[in-house]
PDB file of all heavy atoms in Angstrom:
ATOM      1  N   ALA A   1      -4.286   5.570  -0.806  1.00  0.00           N
ATOM      2  CA  ALA A   1      -4.295   6.711  -1.727  1.00  0.00           C
ATOM      3  C   ALA A   1      -3.209   7.736  -1.517  1.00  0.00           C
ATOM      4  O   ALA A   1      -2.666   8.254  -2.504  1.00  0.00           O
ATOM      5  CB  ALA A   1      -5.761   7.232  -1.740  1.00  0.00           C
ATOM      6  N   ASP A   2      -2.946   8.067  -0.253  1.00  0.00           N
ATOM      7  CA  ASP A   2      -1.886   9.080   0.057  1.00  0.00           C
ATOM      8  C   ASP A   2      -1.021   8.589   1.118  1.00  0.00           C
ATOM      9  O   ASP A   2      -1.352   8.648   2.295  1.00  0.00           O
ATOM     10  CB  ASP A   2      -2.594  10.406   0.398  1.00  0.00           C
ATOM     11  CG  ASP A   2      -1.770  11.527   0.697  1.00  0.00           C
ATOM     12  OD1 ASP A   2      -0.551  11.503   1.000  1.00  0.00           O
ATOM     13  OD2 ASP A   2      -2.181  12.640   0.566  1.00  0.00           O
ATOM     14  N   ALA A   3       0.170   8.333   0.864  1.00  0.00           N
ATOM     15  CA  ALA A   3       1.119   7.591   1.793  1.00  0.00           C
ATOM     16  C   ALA A   3       1.320   8.598   3.008  1.00  0.00           C
ATOM     17  O   ALA A   3       1.401   8.261   4.091  1.00  0.00           O
ATOM     18  CB  ALA A   3       2.280   7.092   1.222  1.00  0.00           C
ATOM     19  N   GLU A   4       1.658   9.900   2.641  1.00  0.00           N
ATOM     20  CA  GLU A   4       1.901  10.695   3.664  1.00  0.00           C
ATOM     21  C   GLU A   4       0.762  10.976   4.698  1.00  0.00           C
ATOM     22  O   GLU A   4       0.884  11.022   5.938  1.00  0.00           O
ATOM     23  CB  GLU A   4       2.318  12.276   3.029  1.00  0.00           C
ATOM     24  CG  GLU A   4       2.656  13.308   3.986  1.00  0.00           C
ATOM     25  CD  GLU A   4       3.680  12.900   5.078  1.00  0.00           C
ATOM     26  OE1 GLU A   4       4.661  12.230   4.721  1.00  0.00           O
ATOM     27  OE2 GLU A   4       3.588  13.234   6.284  1.00  0.00           O
ATOM     28  N   ALA A   5      -0.467  11.241   4.143  1.00  0.00           N
ATOM     29  CA  ALA A   5      -1.619  11.313   4.866  1.00  0.00           C
ATOM     30  C   ALA A   5      -1.748  10.101   5.859  1.00  0.00           C
ATOM     31  O   ALA A   5      -2.170  10.210   7.070  1.00  0.00           O
ATOM     32  CB  ALA A   5      -2.857  11.576   4.161  1.00  0.00           C
ATOM     33  N   SER A   6      -1.621   8.842   5.250  1.00  0.00           N
ATOM     34  CA  SER A   6      -1.878   7.578   6.024  1.00  0.00           C
ATOM     35  C   SER A   6      -0.731   7.517   7.019  1.00  0.00           C
ATOM     36  O   SER A   6      -1.104   7.045   8.141  1.00  0.00           O
ATOM     37  CB  SER A   6      -1.802   6.483   4.949  1.00  0.00           C
ATOM     38  OG  SER A   6      -3.056   6.393   4.270  1.00  0.00           O
ATOM     39  N   ALA A   7       0.442   7.896   6.705  1.00  0.00           N
ATOM     40  CA  ALA A   7       1.520   7.866   7.615  1.00  0.00           C
ATOM     41  C   ALA A   7       1.151   8.745   8.911  1.00  0.00           C
ATOM     42  O   ALA A   7       1.295   8.309   9.967  1.00  0.00           O
ATOM     43  CB  ALA A   7       2.846   8.198   7.078  1.00  0.00           C
ATOM     44  N   ARG A   8       0.720   9.877   8.629  1.00  0.00           N
ATOM     45  CA  ARG A   8       0.428  10.854   9.673  1.00  0.00           C
ATOM     46  C   ARG A   8      -0.777  10.231  10.612  1.00  0.00           C
ATOM     47  O   ARG A   8      -0.643  10.307  11.738  1.00  0.00           O
ATOM     48  CB  ARG A   8      -0.059  12.146   8.988  1.00  0.00           C
ATOM     49  CG  ARG A   8      -0.295  13.200  10.076  1.00  0.00           C
ATOM     50  CD  ARG A   8      -0.451  14.651   9.380  1.00  0.00           C
ATOM     51  NE  ARG A   8      -1.264  14.711   8.126  1.00  0.00           N
ATOM     52  CZ  ARG A   8      -0.808  14.732   6.833  1.00  0.00           C
ATOM     53  NH1 ARG A   8       0.408  14.827   6.693  1.00  0.00           N
ATOM     54  NH2 ARG A   8      -1.644  14.827   5.880  1.00  0.00           N
ATOM     55  N   PHE A   9      -1.856   9.723  10.022  1.00  0.00           N
ATOM     56  CA  PHE A   9      -2.825   9.031  10.638  1.00  0.00           C
ATOM     57  C   PHE A   9      -2.504   7.904  11.595  1.00  0.00           C
ATOM     58  O   PHE A   9      -2.647   7.840  12.715  1.00  0.00           O
ATOM     59  CB  PHE A   9      -3.903   8.415   9.594  1.00  0.00           C
ATOM     60  CG  PHE A   9      -4.964   7.782  10.207  1.00  0.00           C
ATOM     61  CD1 PHE A   9      -6.195   8.387  10.602  1.00  0.00           C
ATOM     62  CD2 PHE A   9      -4.987   6.276  10.498  1.00  0.00           C
ATOM     63  CE1 PHE A   9      -7.198   7.659  11.210  1.00  0.00           C
ATOM     64  CE2 PHE A   9      -6.032   5.683  11.156  1.00  0.00           C
ATOM     65  CZ  PHE A   9      -7.029   6.384  11.589  1.00  0.00           C
ATOM     66  N   TYR A  10      -1.571   7.079  11.007  1.00  0.00           N
ATOM     67  CA  TYR A  10      -1.033   5.942  11.800  1.00  0.00           C
ATOM     68  C   TYR A  10      -0.122   6.405  12.958  1.00  0.00           C
ATOM     69  O   TYR A  10      -0.122   5.775  13.940  1.00  0.00           O
ATOM     70  CB  TYR A  10      -0.318   4.785  10.981  1.00  0.00           C
ATOM     71  CG  TYR A  10      -1.371   4.004  10.132  1.00  0.00           C
ATOM     72  CD1 TYR A  10      -1.902   4.316   8.966  1.00  0.00           C
ATOM     73  CD2 TYR A  10      -1.885   2.836  10.777  1.00  0.00           C
ATOM     74  CE1 TYR A  10      -2.819   3.613   8.353  1.00  0.00           C
ATOM     75  CE2 TYR A  10      -2.792   1.958  10.118  1.00  0.00           C
ATOM     76  CZ  TYR A  10      -3.301   2.399   8.846  1.00  0.00           C
ATOM     77  OH  TYR A  10      -4.226   1.656   8.288  1.00  0.00           O
ATOM     78  N   ARG A  11       0.654   7.446  12.767  1.00  0.00           N
ATOM     79  CA  ARG A  11       1.465   8.049  13.798  1.00  0.00           C
ATOM     80  C   ARG A  11       0.617   8.620  14.856  1.00  0.00           C
ATOM     81  O   ARG A  11       0.691   8.453  16.017  1.00  0.00           O
ATOM     82  CB  ARG A  11       2.395   9.089  13.275  1.00  0.00           C
ATOM     83  CG  ARG A  11       3.584   8.510  12.530  1.00  0.00           C
ATOM     84  CD  ARG A  11       4.651   9.610  12.185  1.00  0.00           C
ATOM     85  NE  ARG A  11       4.138  10.902  11.778  1.00  0.00           N
ATOM     86  CZ  ARG A  11       3.989  11.285  10.538  1.00  0.00           C
ATOM     87  NH1 ARG A  11       4.529  10.484   9.622  1.00  0.00           N
ATOM     88  NH2 ARG A  11       3.543  12.440  10.078  1.00  0.00           N
ATOM     89  N   ASP A  12      -0.310   9.543  14.352  1.00  0.00           N
ATOM     90  CA  ASP A  12      -1.283  10.216  15.269  1.00  0.00           C
ATOM     91  C   ASP A  12      -2.226   9.538  16.031  1.00  0.00           C
ATOM     92  O   ASP A  12      -2.328   9.759  17.219  1.00  0.00           O
ATOM     93  CB  ASP A  12      -1.817  11.468  14.390  1.00  0.00           C
ATOM     94  CG  ASP A  12      -0.928  12.462  13.973  1.00  0.00           C
ATOM     95  OD1 ASP A  12       0.319  12.505  14.290  1.00  0.00           O
ATOM     96  OD2 ASP A  12      -1.422  13.391  13.235  1.00  0.00           O
ATOM     97  N   ILE A  13      -2.776   8.528  15.499  1.00  0.00           N
ATOM     98  CA  ILE A  13      -3.814   7.752  16.101  1.00  0.00           C
ATOM     99  C   ILE A  13      -3.347   6.500  16.896  1.00  0.00           C
ATOM    100  O   ILE A  13      -3.552   6.225  18.070  1.00  0.00           O
ATOM    101  CB  ILE A  13      -4.971   7.340  15.072  1.00  0.00           C
ATOM    102  CG1 ILE A  13      -5.554   8.509  14.499  1.00  0.00           C
ATOM    103  CG2 ILE A  13      -5.949   6.421  15.807  1.00  0.00           C
ATOM    104  CD1 ILE A  13      -6.275   9.524  15.543  1.00  0.00           C
ATOM    105  N   LEU A  14      -2.456   5.774  16.133  1.00  0.00           N
ATOM    106  CA  LEU A  14      -1.977   4.421  16.721  1.00  0.00           C
ATOM    107  C   LEU A  14      -0.575   4.626  17.505  1.00  0.00           C
ATOM    108  O   LEU A  14      -0.078   3.776  18.056  1.00  0.00           O
ATOM    109  CB  LEU A  14      -1.861   3.349  15.726  1.00  0.00           C
ATOM    110  CG  LEU A  14      -3.111   2.918  15.113  1.00  0.00           C
ATOM    111  CD1 LEU A  14      -3.001   1.770  14.061  1.00  0.00           C
ATOM    112  CD2 LEU A  14      -3.995   2.373  16.308  1.00  0.00           C
ATOM    113  N   GLY A  15       0.210   5.716  17.163  1.00  0.00           N
ATOM    114  CA  GLY A  15       1.443   5.958  17.693  1.00  0.00           C
ATOM    115  C   GLY A  15       2.514   5.063  17.137  1.00  0.00           C
ATOM    116  O   GLY A  15       3.606   5.042  17.674  1.00  0.00           O
ATOM    117  N   LEU A  16       2.279   4.714  15.837  1.00  0.00           N
ATOM    118  CA  LEU A  16       3.466   4.104  15.127  1.00  0.00           C
ATOM    119  C   LEU A  16       4.551   5.090  14.832  1.00  0.00           C
ATOM    120  O   LEU A  16       4.295   6.242  14.835  1.00  0.00           O
ATOM    121  CB  LEU A  16       2.884   3.400  13.763  1.00  0.00           C
ATOM    122  CG  LEU A  16       1.787   2.382  13.936  1.00  0.00           C
ATOM    123  CD1 LEU A  16       1.471   1.773  12.664  1.00  0.00           C
ATOM    124  CD2 LEU A  16       2.118   1.353  15.034  1.00  0.00           C
ATOM    125  N   HIS A  17       5.783   4.555  14.622  1.00  0.00           N
ATOM    126  CA  HIS A  17       6.905   5.386  14.308  1.00  0.00           C
ATOM    127  C   HIS A  17       7.392   5.141  12.979  1.00  0.00           C
ATOM    128  O   HIS A  17       7.459   4.061  12.518  1.00  0.00           O
ATOM    129  CB  HIS A  17       7.949   5.078  15.347  1.00  0.00           C
ATOM    130  CG  HIS A  17       7.617   5.285  16.743  1.00  0.00           C
ATOM    131  ND1 HIS A  17       7.454   6.521  17.371  1.00  0.00           N
ATOM    132  CD2 HIS A  17       7.202   4.444  17.626  1.00  0.00           C
ATOM    133  CE1 HIS A  17       7.026   6.410  18.510  1.00  0.00           C
ATOM    134  NE2 HIS A  17       6.890   5.097  18.819  1.00  0.00           N
ATOM    135  N   ASP A  18       7.889   6.308  12.360  1.00  0.00           N
ATOM    136  CA  ASP A  18       8.468   6.273  10.964  1.00  0.00           C
ATOM    137  C   ASP A  18       9.727   5.434  10.980  1.00  0.00           C
ATOM    138  O   ASP A  18      10.602   5.638  11.872  1.00  0.00           O
ATOM    139  CB  ASP A  18       8.781   7.657  10.354  1.00  0.00           C
ATOM    140  CG  ASP A  18       7.633   8.219   9.776  1.00  0.00           C
ATOM    141  OD1 ASP A  18       7.066   7.614   8.894  1.00  0.00           O
ATOM    142  OD2 ASP A  18       7.275   9.452  10.140  1.00  0.00           O
ATOM    143  N   GLU A  19       9.852   4.479  10.131  1.00  0.00           N
ATOM    144  CA  GLU A  19      10.985   3.651   9.953  1.00  0.00           C
ATOM    145  C   GLU A  19      11.881   4.233   8.845  1.00  0.00           C
ATOM    146  O   GLU A  19      13.059   4.562   9.007  1.00  0.00           O
ATOM    147  CB  GLU A  19      10.688   2.234   9.621  1.00  0.00           C
ATOM    148  CG  GLU A  19      11.769   1.239   9.753  1.00  0.00           C
ATOM    149  CD  GLU A  19      12.270   0.993  10.954  1.00  0.00           C
ATOM    150  OE1 GLU A  19      11.607   1.221  12.099  1.00  0.00           O
ATOM    151  OE2 GLU A  19      13.394   0.388  11.197  1.00  0.00           O
ATOM    152  N   HIS A  20      11.224   4.374   7.796  1.00  0.00           N
ATOM    153  CA  HIS A  20      11.818   5.078   6.633  1.00  0.00           C
ATOM    154  C   HIS A  20      10.887   5.387   5.489  1.00  0.00           C
ATOM    155  O   HIS A  20       9.883   4.751   5.377  1.00  0.00           O
ATOM    156  CB  HIS A  20      13.149   4.538   6.081  1.00  0.00           C
ATOM    157  CG  HIS A  20      12.875   3.167   5.362  1.00  0.00           C
ATOM    158  ND1 HIS A  20      12.651   1.995   5.948  1.00  0.00           N
ATOM    159  CD2 HIS A  20      12.694   2.881   4.042  1.00  0.00           C
ATOM    160  CE1 HIS A  20      12.520   1.078   5.046  1.00  0.00           C
ATOM    161  NE2 HIS A  20      12.430   1.674   3.884  1.00  0.00           N
ATOM    162  N   ALA A  21      11.205   6.377   4.659  1.00  0.00           N
ATOM    163  CA  ALA A  21      10.313   6.721   3.387  1.00  0.00           C
ATOM    164  C   ALA A  21      11.276   6.349   2.251  1.00  0.00           C
ATOM    165  O   ALA A  21      12.340   7.070   2.089  1.00  0.00           O
ATOM    166  CB  ALA A  21       9.867   8.031   3.551  1.00  0.00           C
ATOM    167  N   GLY A  22      10.926   5.399   1.396  1.00  0.00           N
ATOM    168  CA  GLY A  22      11.638   5.015   0.247  1.00  0.00           C
ATOM    169  C   GLY A  22      10.892   5.578  -0.961  1.00  0.00           C
ATOM    170  O   GLY A  22       9.958   6.280  -0.854  1.00  0.00           O
ATOM    171  N   ALA A  23      11.416   5.265  -2.189  1.00  0.00           N
ATOM    172  CA  ALA A  23      10.915   5.621  -3.362  1.00  0.00           C
ATOM    173  C   ALA A  23       9.531   4.976  -3.494  1.00  0.00           C
ATOM    174  O   ALA A  23       8.679   5.597  -4.129  1.00  0.00           O
ATOM    175  CB  ALA A  23      11.762   5.332  -4.515  1.00  0.00           C
ATOM    176  N   VAL A  24       9.344   3.869  -3.066  1.00  0.00           N
ATOM    177  CA  VAL A  24       8.076   3.104  -3.313  1.00  0.00           C
ATOM    178  C   VAL A  24       7.289   2.832  -2.125  1.00  0.00           C
ATOM    179  O   VAL A  24       5.901   3.018  -2.116  1.00  0.00           O
ATOM    180  CB  VAL A  24       8.277   1.743  -3.866  1.00  0.00           C
ATOM    181  CG1 VAL A  24       7.129   0.934  -4.098  1.00  0.00           C
ATOM    182  CG2 VAL A  24       9.112   1.860  -5.234  1.00  0.00           C
ATOM    183  N   LEU A  25       7.897   2.645  -0.926  1.00  0.00           N
ATOM    184  CA  LEU A  25       7.139   2.418   0.281  1.00  0.00           C
ATOM    185  C   LEU A  25       7.470   3.480   1.497  1.00  0.00           C
ATOM    186  O   LEU A  25       8.584   3.797   1.599  1.00  0.00           O
ATOM    187  CB  LEU A  25       7.458   0.987   0.818  1.00  0.00           C
ATOM    188  CG  LEU A  25       7.160  -0.152  -0.113  1.00  0.00           C
ATOM    189  CD1 LEU A  25       7.620  -1.528   0.414  1.00  0.00           C
ATOM    190  CD2 LEU A  25       5.607  -0.321  -0.236  1.00  0.00           C
ATOM    191  N   ARG A  26       6.481   3.689   2.224  1.00  0.00           N
ATOM    192  CA  ARG A  26       6.634   4.450   3.469  1.00  0.00           C
ATOM    193  C   ARG A  26       6.514   3.413   4.558  1.00  0.00           C
ATOM    194  O   ARG A  26       5.412   2.825   4.642  1.00  0.00           O
ATOM    195  CB  ARG A  26       5.620   5.442   3.525  1.00  0.00           C
ATOM    196  CG  ARG A  26       5.535   6.366   4.721  1.00  0.00           C
ATOM    197  CD  ARG A  26       6.758   7.301   4.779  1.00  0.00           C
ATOM    198  NE  ARG A  26       6.597   8.256   5.799  1.00  0.00           N
ATOM    199  CZ  ARG A  26       6.360   9.524   5.740  1.00  0.00           C
ATOM    200  NH1 ARG A  26       5.778   9.914   4.787  1.00  0.00           N
ATOM    201  NH2 ARG A  26       6.431  10.166   6.871  1.00  0.00           N
ATOM    202  N   VAL A  27       7.562   3.303   5.385  1.00  0.00           N
ATOM    203  CA  VAL A  27       7.539   2.129   6.313  1.00  0.00           C
ATOM    204  C   VAL A  27       7.362   2.703   7.812  1.00  0.00           C
ATOM    205  O   VAL A  27       8.027   3.489   8.207  1.00  0.00           O
ATOM    206  CB  VAL A  27       8.788   1.338   6.171  1.00  0.00           C
ATOM    207  CG1 VAL A  27       8.777   0.112   7.291  1.00  0.00           C
ATOM    208  CG2 VAL A  27       8.894   0.790   4.799  1.00  0.00           C
ATOM    209  N   LEU A  28       6.426   2.155   8.481  1.00  0.00           N
ATOM    210  CA  LEU A  28       6.174   2.515   9.948  1.00  0.00           C
ATOM    211  C   LEU A  28       6.442   1.213  10.726  1.00  0.00           C
ATOM    212  O   LEU A  28       6.224   0.169  10.445  1.00  0.00           O
ATOM    213  CB  LEU A  28       4.709   2.991  10.134  1.00  0.00           C
ATOM    214  CG  LEU A  28       4.254   4.133   9.276  1.00  0.00           C
ATOM    215  CD1 LEU A  28       2.789   4.284   9.334  1.00  0.00           C
ATOM    216  CD2 LEU A  28       4.959   5.338   9.756  1.00  0.00           C
ATOM    217  N   ARG A  29       7.011   1.541  12.012  1.00  0.00           N
ATOM    218  CA  ARG A  29       7.343   0.388  12.908  1.00  0.00           C
ATOM    219  C   ARG A  29       6.135   0.047  13.742  1.00  0.00           C
ATOM    220  O   ARG A  29       5.540   1.018  14.425  1.00  0.00           O
ATOM    221  CB  ARG A  29       8.477   0.921  13.788  1.00  0.00           C
ATOM    222  CG  ARG A  29       8.954  -0.155  14.854  1.00  0.00           C
ATOM    223  CD  ARG A  29       9.516  -1.266  14.490  1.00  0.00           C
ATOM    224  NE  ARG A  29      10.572  -1.194  13.492  1.00  0.00           N
ATOM    225  CZ  ARG A  29      11.068  -2.337  12.946  1.00  0.00           C
ATOM    226  NH1 ARG A  29      10.602  -3.512  13.316  1.00  0.00           N
ATOM    227  NH2 ARG A  29      12.127  -2.244  12.072  1.00  0.00           N
ATOM    228  N   VAL A  30       5.680  -1.124  13.856  1.00  0.00           N
ATOM    229  CA  VAL A  30       4.583  -1.550  14.660  1.00  0.00           C
ATOM    230  C   VAL A  30       4.953  -2.018  15.962  1.00  0.00           C
ATOM    231  O   VAL A  30       4.586  -1.547  17.071  1.00  0.00           O
ATOM    232  CB  VAL A  30       3.727  -2.685  13.930  1.00  0.00           C
ATOM    233  CG1 VAL A  30       2.699  -3.276  14.863  1.00  0.00           C
ATOM    234  CG2 VAL A  30       3.067  -2.212  12.678  1.00  0.00           C
ATOM    235  N   ASP A  31       6.099  -2.921  15.871  1.00  0.00           N
ATOM    236  CA  ASP A  31       6.708  -3.295  17.214  1.00  0.00           C
ATOM    237  C   ASP A  31       8.188  -3.710  16.845  1.00  0.00           C
ATOM    238  O   ASP A  31       8.517  -3.648  15.608  1.00  0.00           O
ATOM    239  CB  ASP A  31       6.030  -4.381  17.929  1.00  0.00           C
ATOM    240  CG  ASP A  31       5.804  -5.683  17.165  1.00  0.00           C
ATOM    241  OD1 ASP A  31       6.533  -5.938  16.230  1.00  0.00           O
ATOM    242  OD2 ASP A  31       4.798  -6.358  17.344  1.00  0.00           O
ATOM    243  N   ALA A  32       8.939  -4.347  17.684  1.00  0.00           N
ATOM    244  CA  ALA A  32      10.356  -4.692  17.404  1.00  0.00           C
ATOM    245  C   ALA A  32      10.480  -5.660  16.211  1.00  0.00           C
ATOM    246  O   ALA A  32      11.439  -5.456  15.549  1.00  0.00           O
ATOM    247  CB  ALA A  32      10.894  -5.360  18.621  1.00  0.00           C
ATOM    248  N   GLY A  33       9.488  -6.411  15.880  1.00  0.00           N
ATOM    249  CA  GLY A  33       9.590  -7.462  14.738  1.00  0.00           C
ATOM    250  C   GLY A  33       8.644  -7.326  13.694  1.00  0.00           C
ATOM    251  O   GLY A  33       8.541  -8.046  12.786  1.00  0.00           O
TER     252      GLY A  33
END
């Protein structure tokens, strides 16, 4: 529902890292691949 709020959740709770924020997708890095 809210990409920014979800990105913050996945960063804060799981420790994922921002890869990039595009016009359509907010991408987080899970692991190297």
